[in-house]
């Protein structure tokens, strides 16, 4: 299993707008079967080096997200709107540690 984190860095005045857009994007993917994402903001009411919005979700395996699989609402509207409101975009991939994986490594 993998944890994927999508982080969008923005400005203070656009933080909650970006949060709304990222939540809408994640909801579109969830309707297509992706696991539920957790959306959170940093820098508004919490100490942080930047103003950012992150989405995290888990997947059993890492796969390329082919363009035909991207929901229409994201392709036609939300993606462009998100890009117009952020300064930087990052995505992180983490392998989730499980007891089974540890045992498989003799730990």
PDB file of N, CA and C in Angstrom:
ATOM      1  N   UNK A   1       0.848  -1.175   0.000  1.00  0.00           N
ATOM      2  CA  UNK A   1       0.000   0.000   0.000  1.00  0.00           C
ATOM      3  C   UNK A   1       0.890   1.234   0.000  1.00  0.00           C
ATOM      4  N   UNK A   2       0.393   2.277  -0.635  1.00  0.00           N
ATOM      5  CA  UNK A   2       1.144   3.520  -0.756  1.00  0.00           C
ATOM      6  C   UNK A   2       0.294   4.697  -0.296  1.00  0.00           C
ATOM      7  N   UNK A   3       0.959   5.679   0.288  1.00  0.00           N
ATOM      8  CA  UNK A   3       0.323   6.938   0.652  1.00  0.00           C
ATOM      9  C   UNK A   3       0.818   7.973  -0.350  1.00  0.00           C
ATOM     10  N   UNK A   4      -0.102   8.693  -0.950  1.00  0.00           N
ATOM     11  CA  UNK A   4       0.246   9.736  -1.904  1.00  0.00           C
ATOM     12  C   UNK A   4      -0.168  11.067  -1.301  1.00  0.00           C
ATOM     13  N   UNK A   5       0.741  12.027  -1.366  1.00  0.00           N
ATOM     14  CA  UNK A   5       0.454  13.375  -0.851  1.00  0.00           C
ATOM     15  C   UNK A   5       0.663  14.375  -1.989  1.00  0.00           C
ATOM     16  N   UNK A   6      -0.354  15.137  -2.248  1.00  0.00           N
ATOM     17  CA  UNK A   6      -0.302  16.199  -3.245  1.00  0.00           C
ATOM     18  C   UNK A   6      -0.284  17.515  -2.484  1.00  0.00           C
ATOM     19  N   UNK A   7       0.760  18.327  -2.683  1.00  0.00           N
ATOM     20  CA  UNK A   7       0.900  19.587  -1.945  1.00  0.00           C
ATOM     21  C   UNK A   7       0.911  20.756  -2.919  1.00  0.00           C
ATOM     22  N   UNK A   8       0.043  21.721  -2.652  1.00  0.00           N
ATOM     23  CA  UNK A   8      -0.060  22.931  -3.466  1.00  0.00           C
ATOM     24  C   UNK A   8       0.333  24.125  -2.601  1.00  0.00           C
ATOM     25  N   UNK A   9       1.385  24.810  -2.992  1.00  0.00           N
ATOM     26  CA  UNK A   9       1.820  26.012  -2.285  1.00  0.00           C
ATOM     27  C   UNK A   9       1.144  27.214  -2.939  1.00  0.00           C
ATOM     28  N   UNK A  10       0.633  28.098  -2.093  1.00  0.00           N
ATOM     29  CA  UNK A  10      -0.129  29.240  -2.593  1.00  0.00           C
ATOM     30  C   UNK A  10       0.154  30.460  -1.720  1.00  0.00           C
ATOM     31  N   UNK A  11      -0.652  31.484  -1.841  1.00  0.00           N
ATOM     32  CA  UNK A  11      -0.537  32.674  -0.990  1.00  0.00           C
ATOM     33  C   UNK A  11      -1.643  32.633   0.063  1.00  0.00           C
ATOM     34  N   UNK A  12      -1.473  33.439   1.096  1.00  0.00           N
ATOM     35  CA  UNK A  12      -2.433  33.438   2.208  1.00  0.00           C
ATOM     36  C   UNK A  12      -3.856  33.744   1.734  1.00  0.00           C
ATOM     37  N   UNK A  13      -3.981  34.690   0.823  1.00  0.00           N
ATOM     38  CA  UNK A  13      -5.316  35.089   0.371  1.00  0.00           C
ATOM     39  C   UNK A  13      -6.005  34.037  -0.508  1.00  0.00           C
ATOM     40  N   UNK A  14      -5.248  33.078  -1.037  1.00  0.00           N
ATOM     41  CA  UNK A  14      -5.834  32.050  -1.903  1.00  0.00           C
ATOM     42  C   UNK A  14      -5.928  30.683  -1.227  1.00  0.00           C
ATOM     43  N   UNK A  15      -5.484  30.592   0.014  1.00  0.00           N
ATOM     44  CA  UNK A  15      -5.374  29.294   0.692  1.00  0.00           C
ATOM     45  C   UNK A  15      -6.683  28.512   0.705  1.00  0.00           C
ATOM     46  N   UNK A  16      -7.755  29.134   1.145  1.00  0.00           N
ATOM     47  CA  UNK A  16      -9.024  28.408   1.273  1.00  0.00           C
ATOM     48  C   UNK A  16      -9.670  28.156  -0.084  1.00  0.00           C
ATOM     49  N   UNK A  17      -9.419  29.007  -1.065  1.00  0.00           N
ATOM     50  CA  UNK A  17      -9.884  28.757  -2.436  1.00  0.00           C
ATOM     51  C   UNK A  17      -9.212  27.493  -2.978  1.00  0.00           C
ATOM     52  N   UNK A  18      -7.907  27.388  -2.775  1.00  0.00           N
ATOM     53  CA  UNK A  18      -7.167  26.201  -3.221  1.00  0.00           C
ATOM     54  C   UNK A  18      -7.665  24.962  -2.484  1.00  0.00           C
ATOM     55  N   UNK A  19      -7.957  25.105  -1.194  1.00  0.00           N
ATOM     56  CA  UNK A  19      -8.490  23.969  -0.427  1.00  0.00           C
ATOM     57  C   UNK A  19      -9.808  23.490  -1.031  1.00  0.00           C
ATOM     58  N   UNK A  20     -10.664  24.422  -1.398  1.00  0.00           N
ATOM     59  CA  UNK A  20     -11.944  24.071  -2.009  1.00  0.00           C
ATOM     60  C   UNK A  20     -11.742  23.357  -3.346  1.00  0.00           C
ATOM     61  N   UNK A  21     -10.840  23.870  -4.164  1.00  0.00           N
ATOM     62  CA  UNK A  21     -10.574  23.251  -5.470  1.00  0.00           C
ATOM     63  C   UNK A  21      -9.992  21.852  -5.318  1.00  0.00           C
ATOM     64  N   UNK A  22      -9.034  21.706  -4.403  1.00  0.00           N
ATOM     65  CA  UNK A  22      -8.411  20.394  -4.206  1.00  0.00           C
ATOM     66  C   UNK A  22      -9.428  19.388  -3.671  1.00  0.00           C
ATOM     67  N   UNK A  23     -10.315  19.848  -2.810  1.00  0.00           N
ATOM     68  CA  UNK A  23     -11.370  18.964  -2.297  1.00  0.00           C
ATOM     69  C   UNK A  23     -12.301  18.523  -3.424  1.00  0.00           C
ATOM     70  N   UNK A  24     -12.655  19.447  -4.307  1.00  0.00           N
ATOM     71  CA  UNK A  24     -13.501  19.094  -5.450  1.00  0.00           C
ATOM     72  C   UNK A  24     -12.806  18.091  -6.373  1.00  0.00           C
ATOM     73  N   UNK A  25     -11.522  18.303  -6.624  1.00  0.00           N
ATOM     74  CA  UNK A  25     -10.758  17.386  -7.478  1.00  0.00           C
ATOM     75  C   UNK A  25     -10.718  15.997  -6.860  1.00  0.00           C
ATOM     76  N   UNK A  26     -10.418  15.932  -5.573  1.00  0.00           N
ATOM     77  CA  UNK A  26     -10.362  14.628  -4.900  1.00  0.00           C
ATOM     78  C   UNK A  26     -11.725  13.945  -4.916  1.00  0.00           C
ATOM     79  N   UNK A  27     -12.787  14.707  -4.734  1.00  0.00           N
ATOM     80  CA  UNK A  27     -14.140  14.131  -4.766  1.00  0.00           C
ATOM     81  C   UNK A  27     -14.451  13.517  -6.125  1.00  0.00           C
ATOM     82  N   UNK A  28     -14.007  14.167  -7.188  1.00  0.00           N
ATOM     83  CA  UNK A  28     -14.217  13.622  -8.537  1.00  0.00           C
ATOM     84  C   UNK A  28     -13.526  12.263  -8.683  1.00  0.00           C
ATOM     85  N   UNK A  29     -12.293  12.168  -8.191  1.00  0.00           N
ATOM     86  CA  UNK A  29     -11.572  10.889  -8.261  1.00  0.00           C
ATOM     87  C   UNK A  29     -12.204   9.837  -7.351  1.00  0.00           C
ATOM     88  N   UNK A  30     -12.689  10.262  -6.199  1.00  0.00           N
ATOM     89  CA  UNK A  30     -13.342   9.320  -5.277  1.00  0.00           C
ATOM     90  C   UNK A  30     -14.588   8.717  -5.920  1.00  0.00           C
ATOM     91  N   UNK A  31     -15.302   9.515  -6.699  1.00  0.00           N
ATOM     92  CA  UNK A  31     -16.475   8.999  -7.408  1.00  0.00           C
ATOM     93  C   UNK A  31     -16.090   7.936  -8.433  1.00  0.00           C
ATOM     94  N   UNK A  32     -14.827   7.960  -8.881  1.00  0.00           N
ATOM     95  CA  UNK A  32     -14.333   6.958  -9.827  1.00  0.00           C
ATOM     96  C   UNK A  32     -13.651   5.795  -9.111  1.00  0.00           C
ATOM     97  N   UNK A  33     -13.742   5.774  -7.762  1.00  0.00           N
ATOM     98  CA  UNK A  33     -13.247   4.622  -7.021  1.00  0.00           C
ATOM     99  C   UNK A  33     -11.969   4.809  -6.227  1.00  0.00           C
ATOM    100  N   UNK A  34     -11.352   5.979  -6.290  1.00  0.00           N
ATOM    101  CA  UNK A  34     -10.141   6.188  -5.499  1.00  0.00           C
ATOM    102  C   UNK A  34     -10.522   6.327  -4.035  1.00  0.00           C
ATOM    103  N   UNK A  35      -9.616   5.954  -3.138  1.00  0.00           N
ATOM    104  CA  UNK A  35      -9.915   6.038  -1.705  1.00  0.00           C
ATOM    105  C   UNK A  35     -10.108   7.496  -1.284  1.00  0.00           C
ATOM    106  N   UNK A  36     -10.804   7.688  -0.177  1.00  0.00           N
ATOM    107  CA  UNK A  36     -11.122   9.024   0.330  1.00  0.00           C
ATOM    108  C   UNK A  36      -9.841   9.759   0.714  1.00  0.00           C
ATOM    109  N   UNK A  37      -9.773  11.004   0.311  1.00  0.00           N
ATOM    110  CA  UNK A  37      -8.611  11.840   0.618  1.00  0.00           C
ATOM    111  C   UNK A  37      -8.887  12.695   1.847  1.00  0.00           C
ATOM    112  N   UNK A  38      -7.823  12.993   2.559  1.00  0.00           N
ATOM    113  CA  UNK A  38      -7.863  13.971   3.644  1.00  0.00           C
ATOM    114  C   UNK A  38      -7.216  15.242   3.109  1.00  0.00           C
ATOM    115  N   UNK A  39      -7.913  16.360   3.237  1.00  0.00           N
ATOM    116  CA  UNK A  39      -7.418  17.655   2.768  1.00  0.00           C
ATOM    117  C   UNK A  39      -7.082  18.495   3.994  1.00  0.00           C
ATOM    118  N   UNK A  40      -5.908  19.134   3.984  1.00  0.00           N
ATOM    119  CA  UNK A  40      -5.570  19.999   5.113  1.00  0.00           C
ATOM    120  C   UNK A  40      -4.757  21.198   4.651  1.00  0.00           C
ATOM    121  N   UNK A  41      -4.843  22.272   5.441  1.00  0.00           N
ATOM    122  CA  UNK A  41      -4.126  23.512   5.144  1.00  0.00           C
ATOM    123  C   UNK A  41      -3.034  23.726   6.186  1.00  0.00           C
ATOM    124  N   UNK A  42      -1.983  24.405   5.746  1.00  0.00           N
ATOM    125  CA  UNK A  42      -0.877  24.767   6.641  1.00  0.00           C
ATOM    126  C   UNK A  42      -0.574  26.244   6.452  1.00  0.00           C
ATOM    127  N   UNK A  43      -0.239  26.905   7.546  1.00  0.00           N
ATOM    128  CA  UNK A  43       0.177  28.293   7.469  1.00  0.00           C
ATOM    129  C   UNK A  43      -0.893  29.309   7.800  1.00  0.00           C
ATOM    130  N   UNK A  44      -2.131  28.897   7.855  1.00  0.00           N
ATOM    131  CA  UNK A  44      -3.206  29.843   8.194  1.00  0.00           C
ATOM    132  C   UNK A  44      -3.286  29.991   9.698  1.00  0.00           C
ATOM    133  N   UNK A  45      -3.593  28.926  10.377  1.00  0.00           N
ATOM    134  CA  UNK A  45      -3.697  28.962  11.834  1.00  0.00           C
ATOM    135  C   UNK A  45      -2.654  28.094  12.507  1.00  0.00           C
ATOM    136  N   UNK A  46      -1.703  27.591  11.711  1.00  0.00           N
ATOM    137  CA  UNK A  46      -0.653  26.719  12.242  1.00  0.00           C
ATOM    138  C   UNK A  46       0.706  27.248  11.813  1.00  0.00           C
ATOM    139  N   UNK A  47       1.737  27.011  12.618  1.00  0.00           N
ATOM    140  CA  UNK A  47       3.080  27.413  12.203  1.00  0.00           C
ATOM    141  C   UNK A  47       3.490  26.653  10.939  1.00  0.00           C
ATOM    142  N   UNK A  48       4.080  27.359   9.992  1.00  0.00           N
ATOM    143  CA  UNK A  48       4.503  26.734   8.741  1.00  0.00           C
ATOM    144  C   UNK A  48       5.450  27.668   8.007  1.00  0.00           C
ATOM    145  N   UNK A  49       6.277  27.095   7.137  1.00  0.00           N
ATOM    146  CA  UNK A  49       7.180  27.906   6.316  1.00  0.00           C
ATOM    147  C   UNK A  49       6.481  28.495   5.098  1.00  0.00           C
ATOM    148  N   UNK A  50       5.281  27.993   4.803  1.00  0.00           N
ATOM    149  CA  UNK A  50       4.556  28.466   3.633  1.00  0.00           C
ATOM    150  C   UNK A  50       3.051  28.319   3.854  1.00  0.00           C
ATOM    151  N   UNK A  51       2.302  28.799   2.901  1.00  0.00           N
ATOM    152  CA  UNK A  51       0.854  28.584   2.883  1.00  0.00           C
ATOM    153  C   UNK A  51       0.607  27.481   1.869  1.00  0.00           C
ATOM    154  N   UNK A  52       0.087  26.371   2.353  1.00  0.00           N
ATOM    155  CA  UNK A  52      -0.094  25.240   1.448  1.00  0.00           C
ATOM    156  C   UNK A  52      -1.352  24.464   1.790  1.00  0.00           C
ATOM    157  N   UNK A  53      -1.805  23.728   0.781  1.00  0.00           N
ATOM    158  CA  UNK A  53      -2.940  22.825   0.916  1.00  0.00           C
ATOM    159  C   UNK A  53      -2.459  21.464   0.448  1.00  0.00           C
ATOM    160  N   UNK A  54      -2.731  20.445   1.244  1.00  0.00           N
ATOM    161  CA  UNK A  54      -2.313  19.093   0.882  1.00  0.00           C
ATOM    162  C   UNK A  54      -3.507  18.158   0.863  1.00  0.00           C
ATOM    163  N   UNK A  55      -3.394  17.152   0.025  1.00  0.00           N
ATOM    164  CA  UNK A  55      -4.371  16.060  -0.027  1.00  0.00           C
ATOM    165  C   UNK A  55      -3.584  14.768   0.114  1.00  0.00           C
ATOM    166  N   UNK A  56      -4.071  13.872   0.955  1.00  0.00           N
ATOM    167  CA  UNK A  56      -3.437  12.565   1.138  1.00  0.00           C
ATOM    168  C   UNK A  56      -4.468  11.471   0.944  1.00  0.00           C
ATOM    169  N   UNK A  57      -4.058  10.404   0.279  1.00  0.00           N
ATOM    170  CA  UNK A  57      -4.917   9.231   0.125  1.00  0.00           C
ATOM    171  C   UNK A  57      -4.018   8.011  -0.025  1.00  0.00           C
ATOM    172  N   UNK A  58      -4.598   6.840   0.076  1.00  0.00           N
ATOM    173  CA  UNK A  58      -3.832   5.607  -0.082  1.00  0.00           C
ATOM    174  C   UNK A  58      -4.292   4.871  -1.335  1.00  0.00           C
ATOM    175  N   UNK A  59      -3.357   4.111  -1.886  1.00  0.00           N
ATOM    176  CA  UNK A  59      -3.622   3.257  -3.041  1.00  0.00           C
ATOM    177  C   UNK A  59      -2.869   1.954  -2.838  1.00  0.00           C
ATOM    178  N   UNK A  60      -3.426   0.865  -3.333  1.00  0.00           N
ATOM    179  CA  UNK A  60      -2.770  -0.439  -3.223  1.00  0.00           C
ATOM    180  C   UNK A  60      -1.510  -0.505  -4.068  1.00  0.00           C
ATOM    181  N   UNK A  61      -1.519   0.152  -5.230  1.00  0.00           N
ATOM    182  CA  UNK A  61      -0.340   0.157  -6.095  1.00  0.00           C
ATOM    183  C   UNK A  61      -0.237   1.500  -6.799  1.00  0.00           C
ATOM    184  N   UNK A  62       0.967   1.809  -7.252  1.00  0.00           N
ATOM    185  CA  UNK A  62       1.190   3.054  -7.976  1.00  0.00           C
ATOM    186  C   UNK A  62       0.968   2.793  -9.461  1.00  0.00           C
ATOM    187  N   UNK A  63       0.138   3.637 -10.059  1.00  0.00           N
ATOM    188  CA  UNK A  63      -0.153   3.514 -11.482  1.00  0.00           C
ATOM    189  C   UNK A  63      -0.196   4.898 -12.105  1.00  0.00           C
ATOM    190  N   UNK A  64       0.141   4.949 -13.369  1.00  0.00           N
ATOM    191  CA  UNK A  64       0.041   6.194 -14.116  1.00  0.00           C
ATOM    192  C   UNK A  64      -1.429   6.580 -14.251  1.00  0.00           C
ATOM    193  N   UNK A  65      -1.714   7.849 -14.088  1.00  0.00           N
ATOM    194  CA  UNK A  65      -3.083   8.345 -14.249  1.00  0.00           C
ATOM    195  C   UNK A  65      -3.236   8.817 -15.691  1.00  0.00           C
ATOM    196  N   UNK A  66      -3.646   7.914 -16.572  1.00  0.00           N
ATOM    197  CA  UNK A  66      -3.777   8.229 -17.991  1.00  0.00           C
ATOM    198  C   UNK A  66      -4.859   9.276 -18.231  1.00  0.00           C
ATOM    199  N   UNK A  67      -4.600  10.161 -19.187  1.00  0.00           N
ATOM    200  CA  UNK A  67      -5.490  11.288 -19.468  1.00  0.00           C
ATOM    201  C   UNK A  67      -6.948  10.883 -19.668  1.00  0.00           C
ATOM    202  N   UNK A  68      -7.248   9.795 -20.394  1.00  0.00           N
ATOM    203  CA  UNK A  68      -8.663   9.418 -20.555  1.00  0.00           C
ATOM    204  C   UNK A  68      -9.355   9.061 -19.235  1.00  0.00           C
ATOM    205  N   UNK A  69      -8.577   8.730 -18.199  1.00  0.00           N
ATOM    206  CA  UNK A  69      -9.153   8.378 -16.899  1.00  0.00           C
ATOM    207  C   UNK A  69      -9.413   9.590 -16.008  1.00  0.00           C
ATOM    208  N   UNK A  70      -8.948  10.763 -16.423  1.00  0.00           N
ATOM    209  CA  UNK A  70      -9.153  11.983 -15.637  1.00  0.00           C
ATOM    210  C   UNK A  70     -10.606  12.430 -15.835  1.00  0.00           C
ATOM    211  N   UNK A  71     -11.346  12.620 -14.739  1.00  0.00           N
ATOM    212  CA  UNK A  71     -12.744  13.053 -14.873  1.00  0.00           C
ATOM    213  C   UNK A  71     -12.877  14.352 -15.679  1.00  0.00           C
ATOM    214  N   UNK A  72     -13.939  14.435 -16.477  1.00  0.00           N
ATOM    215  CA  UNK A  72     -14.166  15.594 -17.353  1.00  0.00           C
ATOM    216  C   UNK A  72     -14.127  16.919 -16.606  1.00  0.00           C
ATOM    217  N   UNK A  73     -14.743  16.983 -15.438  1.00  0.00           N
ATOM    218  CA  UNK A  73     -14.803  18.242 -14.681  1.00  0.00           C
ATOM    219  C   UNK A  73     -13.400  18.718 -14.300  1.00  0.00           C
ATOM    220  N   UNK A  74     -12.491  17.779 -14.056  1.00  0.00           N
ATOM    221  CA  UNK A  74     -11.110  18.150 -13.732  1.00  0.00           C
ATOM    222  C   UNK A  74     -10.407  18.634 -14.994  1.00  0.00           C
ATOM    223  N   UNK A  75     -10.519  17.874 -16.074  1.00  0.00           N
ATOM    224  CA  UNK A  75      -9.861  18.244 -17.344  1.00  0.00           C
ATOM    225  C   UNK A  75     -10.358  19.578 -17.870  1.00  0.00           C
ATOM    226  N   UNK A  76     -11.664  19.808 -17.799  1.00  0.00           N
ATOM    227  CA  UNK A  76     -12.265  20.973 -18.442  1.00  0.00           C
ATOM    228  C   UNK A  76     -12.324  22.230 -17.590  1.00  0.00           C
ATOM    229  N   UNK A  77     -12.112  22.109 -16.272  1.00  0.00           N
ATOM    230  CA  UNK A  77     -12.299  23.290 -15.421  1.00  0.00           C
ATOM    231  C   UNK A  77     -11.361  23.329 -14.222  1.00  0.00           C
ATOM    232  N   UNK A  78     -11.454  22.321 -13.361  1.00  0.00           N
ATOM    233  CA  UNK A  78     -10.801  22.396 -12.050  1.00  0.00           C
ATOM    234  C   UNK A  78      -9.280  22.449 -12.125  1.00  0.00           C
ATOM    235  N   UNK A  79      -8.682  21.694 -13.034  1.00  0.00           N
ATOM    236  CA  UNK A  79      -7.223  21.670 -13.128  1.00  0.00           C
ATOM    237  C   UNK A  79      -6.665  23.048 -13.476  1.00  0.00           C
ATOM    238  N   UNK A  80      -7.245  23.686 -14.463  1.00  0.00           N
ATOM    239  CA  UNK A  80      -6.787  25.020 -14.855  1.00  0.00           C
ATOM    240  C   UNK A  80      -7.004  26.028 -13.730  1.00  0.00           C
ATOM    241  N   UNK A  81      -8.148  25.959 -13.089  1.00  0.00           N
ATOM    242  CA  UNK A  81      -8.438  26.886 -11.996  1.00  0.00           C
ATOM    243  C   UNK A  81      -7.454  26.692 -10.840  1.00  0.00           C
ATOM    244  N   UNK A  82      -7.136  25.432 -10.540  1.00  0.00           N
ATOM    245  CA  UNK A  82      -6.155  25.161  -9.488  1.00  0.00           C
ATOM    246  C   UNK A  82      -4.794  25.748  -9.870  1.00  0.00           C
ATOM    247  N   UNK A  83      -4.340  25.482 -11.089  1.00  0.00           N
ATOM    248  CA  UNK A  83      -3.035  25.985 -11.538  1.00  0.00           C
ATOM    249  C   UNK A  83      -2.963  27.513 -11.487  1.00  0.00           C
ATOM    250  N   UNK A  84      -4.071  28.178 -11.721  1.00  0.00           N
ATOM    251  CA  UNK A  84      -4.103  29.645 -11.685  1.00  0.00           C
ATOM    252  C   UNK A  84      -4.048  30.208 -10.266  1.00  0.00           C
ATOM    253  N   UNK A  85      -4.194  29.358  -9.262  1.00  0.00           N
ATOM    254  CA  UNK A  85      -4.231  29.826  -7.873  1.00  0.00           C
ATOM    255  C   UNK A  85      -3.082  29.304  -7.017  1.00  0.00           C
ATOM    256  N   UNK A  86      -2.133  28.608  -7.631  1.00  0.00           N
ATOM    257  CA  UNK A  86      -1.008  28.079  -6.856  1.00  0.00           C
ATOM    258  C   UNK A  86       0.316  28.582  -7.413  1.00  0.00           C
ATOM    259  N   UNK A  87       1.342  28.530  -6.552  1.00  0.00           N
ATOM    260  CA  UNK A  87       2.684  28.922  -6.960  1.00  0.00           C
ATOM    261  C   UNK A  87       3.532  27.710  -7.317  1.00  0.00           C
ATOM    262  N   UNK A  88       3.264  26.611  -6.622  1.00  0.00           N
ATOM    263  CA  UNK A  88       4.083  25.408  -6.808  1.00  0.00           C
ATOM    264  C   UNK A  88       3.240  24.188  -6.495  1.00  0.00           C
ATOM    265  N   UNK A  89       3.572  23.096  -7.153  1.00  0.00           N
ATOM    266  CA  UNK A  89       2.833  21.850  -6.992  1.00  0.00           C
ATOM    267  C   UNK A  89       3.837  20.716  -6.800  1.00  0.00           C
ATOM    268  N   UNK A  90       3.641  19.903  -5.785  1.00  0.00           N
ATOM    269  CA  UNK A  90       4.515  18.756  -5.530  1.00  0.00           C
ATOM    270  C   UNK A  90       3.655  17.530  -5.281  1.00  0.00           C
ATOM    271  N   UNK A  91       4.216  16.374  -5.581  1.00  0.00           N
ATOM    272  CA  UNK A  91       3.538  15.137  -5.232  1.00  0.00           C
ATOM    273  C   UNK A  91       4.576  14.196  -4.634  1.00  0.00           C
ATOM    274  N   UNK A  92       4.202  13.561  -3.531  1.00  0.00           N
ATOM    275  CA  UNK A  92       5.091  12.635  -2.822  1.00  0.00           C
ATOM    276  C   UNK A  92       4.459  11.254  -2.813  1.00  0.00           C
ATOM    277  N   UNK A  93       5.311  10.248  -2.892  1.00  0.00           N
ATOM    278  CA  UNK A  93       4.862   8.861  -2.835  1.00  0.00           C
ATOM    279  C   UNK A  93       5.584   8.177  -1.685  1.00  0.00           C
ATOM    280  N   UNK A  94       4.833   7.529  -0.809  1.00  0.00           N
ATOM    281  CA  UNK A  94       5.400   6.848   0.352  1.00  0.00           C
ATOM    282  C   UNK A  94       4.854   5.429   0.425  1.00  0.00           C
ATOM    283  N   UNK A  95       5.727   4.478   0.686  1.00  0.00           N
ATOM    284  CA  UNK A  95       5.267   3.107   0.897  1.00  0.00           C
ATOM    285  C   UNK A  95       4.868   2.960   2.360  1.00  0.00           C
ATOM    286  N   UNK A  96       3.680   2.445   2.601  1.00  0.00           N
ATOM    287  CA  UNK A  96       3.168   2.270   3.958  1.00  0.00           C
ATOM    288  C   UNK A  96       3.808   1.017   4.559  1.00  0.00           C
ATOM    289  N   UNK A  97       4.360   1.166   5.755  1.00  0.00           N
ATOM    290  CA  UNK A  97       4.993   0.048   6.458  1.00  0.00           C
ATOM    291  C   UNK A  97       3.908  -0.775   7.142  1.00  0.00           C
ATOM    292  N   UNK A  98       3.905  -2.072   6.865  1.00  0.00           N
ATOM    293  CA  UNK A  98       2.954  -2.992   7.496  1.00  0.00           C
ATOM    294  C   UNK A  98       3.730  -4.105   8.189  1.00  0.00           C
ATOM    295  N   UNK A  99       3.068  -4.796   9.110  1.00  0.00           N
ATOM    296  CA  UNK A  99       3.714  -5.930   9.779  1.00  0.00           C
ATOM    297  C   UNK A  99       4.151  -6.976   8.767  1.00  0.00           C
ATOM    298  N   UNK A 100       3.341  -7.209   7.761  1.00  0.00           N
ATOM    299  CA  UNK A 100       3.670  -8.196   6.729  1.00  0.00           C
ATOM    300  C   UNK A 100       4.954  -7.819   5.988  1.00  0.00           C
ATOM    301  N   UNK A 101       5.112  -6.559   5.648  1.00  0.00           N
ATOM    302  CA  UNK A 101       6.322  -6.107   4.960  1.00  0.00           C
ATOM    303  C   UNK A 101       7.539  -6.225   5.870  1.00  0.00           C
ATOM    304  N   UNK A 102       7.355  -5.910   7.149  1.00  0.00           N
ATOM    305  CA  UNK A 102       8.465  -6.039   8.096  1.00  0.00           C
ATOM    306  C   UNK A 102       8.879  -7.498   8.245  1.00  0.00           C
ATOM    307  N   UNK A 103       7.896  -8.383   8.389  1.00  0.00           N
ATOM    308  CA  UNK A 103       8.207  -9.818   8.499  1.00  0.00           C
ATOM    309  C   UNK A 103       8.933 -10.311   7.251  1.00  0.00           C
ATOM    310  N   UNK A 104       8.520  -9.843   6.095  1.00  0.00           N
ATOM    311  CA  UNK A 104       9.157 -10.228   4.841  1.00  0.00           C
ATOM    312  C   UNK A 104      10.611  -9.795   4.761  1.00  0.00           C
ATOM    313  N   UNK A 105      10.986  -8.855   5.597  1.00  0.00           N
ATOM    314  CA  UNK A 105      12.373  -8.380   5.651  1.00  0.00           C
ATOM    315  C   UNK A 105      13.094  -8.892   6.892  1.00  0.00           C
ATOM    316  N   UNK A 106      12.457  -9.845   7.564  1.00  0.00           N
ATOM    317  CA  UNK A 106      13.071 -10.449   8.744  1.00  0.00           C
ATOM    318  C   UNK A 106      13.108  -9.532   9.949  1.00  0.00           C
ATOM    319  N   UNK A 107      12.178  -8.583  10.031  1.00  0.00           N
ATOM    320  CA  UNK A 107      12.174  -7.614  11.144  1.00  0.00           C
ATOM    321  C   UNK A 107      10.943  -7.786  12.016  1.00  0.00           C
TER     322      UNK A 107
END
